[in-house]
Protein backbone atom coordinates (compact mmCIF):
# COMPACT_ATOMS: atom_id res chain seq x y z
CA MET A 1 -10.29 0.35 -20.29
CA SER A 2 -13.75 1.31 -21.19
CA ASN A 3 -14.70 4.27 -23.19
CA ASN A 4 -16.57 5.90 -20.36
CA ASP A 5 -13.56 5.78 -17.89
CA TRP A 6 -13.14 9.56 -17.76
CA LYS A 7 -11.05 9.69 -14.62
CA SER A 8 -8.15 8.01 -16.31
CA ARG A 9 -8.45 10.57 -19.04
CA LEU A 10 -8.08 13.72 -16.87
CA ASN A 11 -5.64 16.33 -18.20
CA VAL A 12 -5.90 15.02 -21.59
CA VAL A 13 -6.17 17.82 -24.43
CA TYR A 14 -8.98 17.41 -26.90
CA SER A 15 -7.83 16.23 -30.31
CA THR A 16 -9.56 17.00 -33.59
CA ASN A 17 -8.00 14.03 -35.37
CA PRO A 18 -10.76 11.56 -36.15
CA ASP A 19 -8.37 8.71 -35.93
CA PHE A 20 -6.97 9.57 -32.44
CA SER A 21 -7.10 6.76 -29.96
CA TYR A 22 -6.12 7.44 -26.31
CA GLU A 23 -3.46 5.09 -24.97
CA ASP A 24 -2.92 4.60 -21.24
CA THR A 25 0.71 4.42 -20.64
CA GLN A 26 0.51 3.60 -16.95
CA GLU A 27 1.23 0.11 -15.84
CA GLU A 28 -1.94 -0.80 -14.04
CA ASN A 29 -0.98 -4.37 -12.72
CA LEU A 30 2.04 -4.20 -10.60
CA GLU A 31 3.20 -7.71 -9.77
CA PRO A 32 3.89 -8.25 -6.09
CA LEU A 33 7.46 -9.38 -5.15
CA GLU A 34 7.80 -12.57 -3.43
CA PRO A 35 7.62 -12.16 0.36
CA ASN A 36 11.25 -13.06 0.93
CA LYS A 37 12.29 -10.26 -1.59
CA GLN A 38 10.08 -7.47 0.02
CA ASN A 39 12.06 -5.19 2.28
CA LEU A 40 9.47 -3.80 4.65
CA ARG A 41 10.15 -1.11 7.38
CA VAL A 42 7.93 -0.72 10.43
CA TRP A 43 7.50 2.54 11.90
CA LEU A 44 5.82 4.16 14.98
CA ASP A 45 4.07 7.47 14.15
CA LYS A 46 2.06 9.98 15.85
CA LYS A 47 2.41 13.09 13.84
CA GLN A 48 -0.86 14.81 12.92
CA ARG A 49 -2.99 12.03 14.48
CA ALA A 50 -3.96 14.08 17.65
CA GLY A 51 -1.18 12.27 19.61
CA LYS A 52 -2.46 8.84 18.81
CA LYS A 53 0.08 6.28 17.79
CA VAL A 54 -0.08 4.17 14.57
CA THR A 55 2.17 1.50 13.34
CA LEU A 56 3.27 2.27 9.58
CA ILE A 57 4.49 -0.44 7.15
CA LYS A 58 6.28 1.04 4.36
CA GLY A 59 8.26 -0.42 1.38
CA PHE A 60 5.60 -2.90 -0.01
CA VAL A 61 5.89 -3.42 -3.68
CA GLY A 62 2.80 -4.73 -5.28
CA SER A 63 -0.87 -4.05 -6.46
CA ASP A 64 -3.45 -2.36 -4.38
CA ASP A 65 -5.24 -5.74 -3.94
CA SER A 66 -2.20 -7.53 -2.60
CA ILE A 67 -1.38 -4.71 -0.09
CA ASN A 68 -5.04 -4.77 1.07
CA VAL A 69 -4.82 -8.49 1.57
CA LEU A 70 -1.68 -8.06 3.68
CA ALA A 71 -3.18 -5.29 5.62
CA LYS A 72 -6.38 -7.14 6.33
CA MET A 73 -4.28 -10.09 7.83
CA LEU A 74 -2.26 -7.75 9.96
CA LYS A 75 -5.24 -6.08 11.25
CA SER A 76 -6.96 -9.24 12.22
CA LYS A 77 -3.90 -10.69 13.90
CA CYS A 78 -3.34 -7.67 15.80
CA GLY A 79 -7.18 -7.26 16.55
CA VAL A 80 -7.20 -3.62 15.70
CA GLY A 81 -8.32 -1.33 12.79
CA GLY A 82 -6.36 0.27 10.09
CA THR A 83 -6.04 1.00 6.41
CA ALA A 84 -3.87 0.56 3.28
CA LYS A 85 -3.17 3.66 1.14
CA ASP A 86 -0.44 5.29 -0.80
CA GLY A 87 1.74 2.13 -0.68
CA GLU A 88 1.58 2.15 3.17
CA ILE A 89 -0.28 -0.04 5.73
CA ILE A 90 -1.53 1.70 8.80
CA ILE A 91 -2.29 -0.23 11.96
CA GLN A 92 -3.90 1.61 14.85
CA GLY A 93 -1.85 1.58 18.06
CA ASP A 94 1.85 0.69 18.84
CA PHE A 95 2.17 -2.93 17.35
CA ARG A 96 5.67 -2.59 15.96
CA ASP A 97 7.06 -5.76 17.73
CA ARG A 98 4.09 -7.78 16.90
CA VAL A 99 3.83 -6.66 13.23
CA VAL A 100 7.64 -7.46 12.66
CA GLU A 101 7.03 -10.89 14.24
CA ILE A 102 4.14 -11.68 12.04
CA LEU A 103 5.73 -10.40 8.98
CA THR A 104 8.77 -12.46 9.57
CA LYS A 105 6.66 -15.48 10.17
CA GLU A 106 4.99 -15.00 6.89
CA GLY A 107 8.50 -14.88 5.09
CA TYR A 108 8.76 -11.12 4.67
CA LYS A 109 12.03 -9.20 5.42
CA ALA A 110 10.75 -6.78 8.11
CA LYS A 111 12.79 -4.45 10.43
CA LYS A 112 11.76 -1.85 12.98
CA ALA A 113 12.67 1.63 11.86
CA GLY A 114 12.53 5.04 13.36
CA ASN A 115 11.47 5.76 16.98
């Protein structure tokens, strides 16, 4: 961590101790589980999206980089846009069946959930 990384130090109170050293207690590198140990749920959602349907993939355990790689692969195989944020992958459109099929071929445990 660089000394100028002020965003990671938000909400830290000033210390008058000259020997004070800020220690980051958060684990930054979350190791992704193996695909056969991931338990992914595939949902169809249209709440707060102006009636447009999106496919949500929840339950991924891993770093932001690894979830972005998986999201990019799913978006390219479905031929649509989407994003990965807050531990969820969002694929534009109703692609539940196709996403479950792709994930199982890649070795993930995936199930359709919800509506």
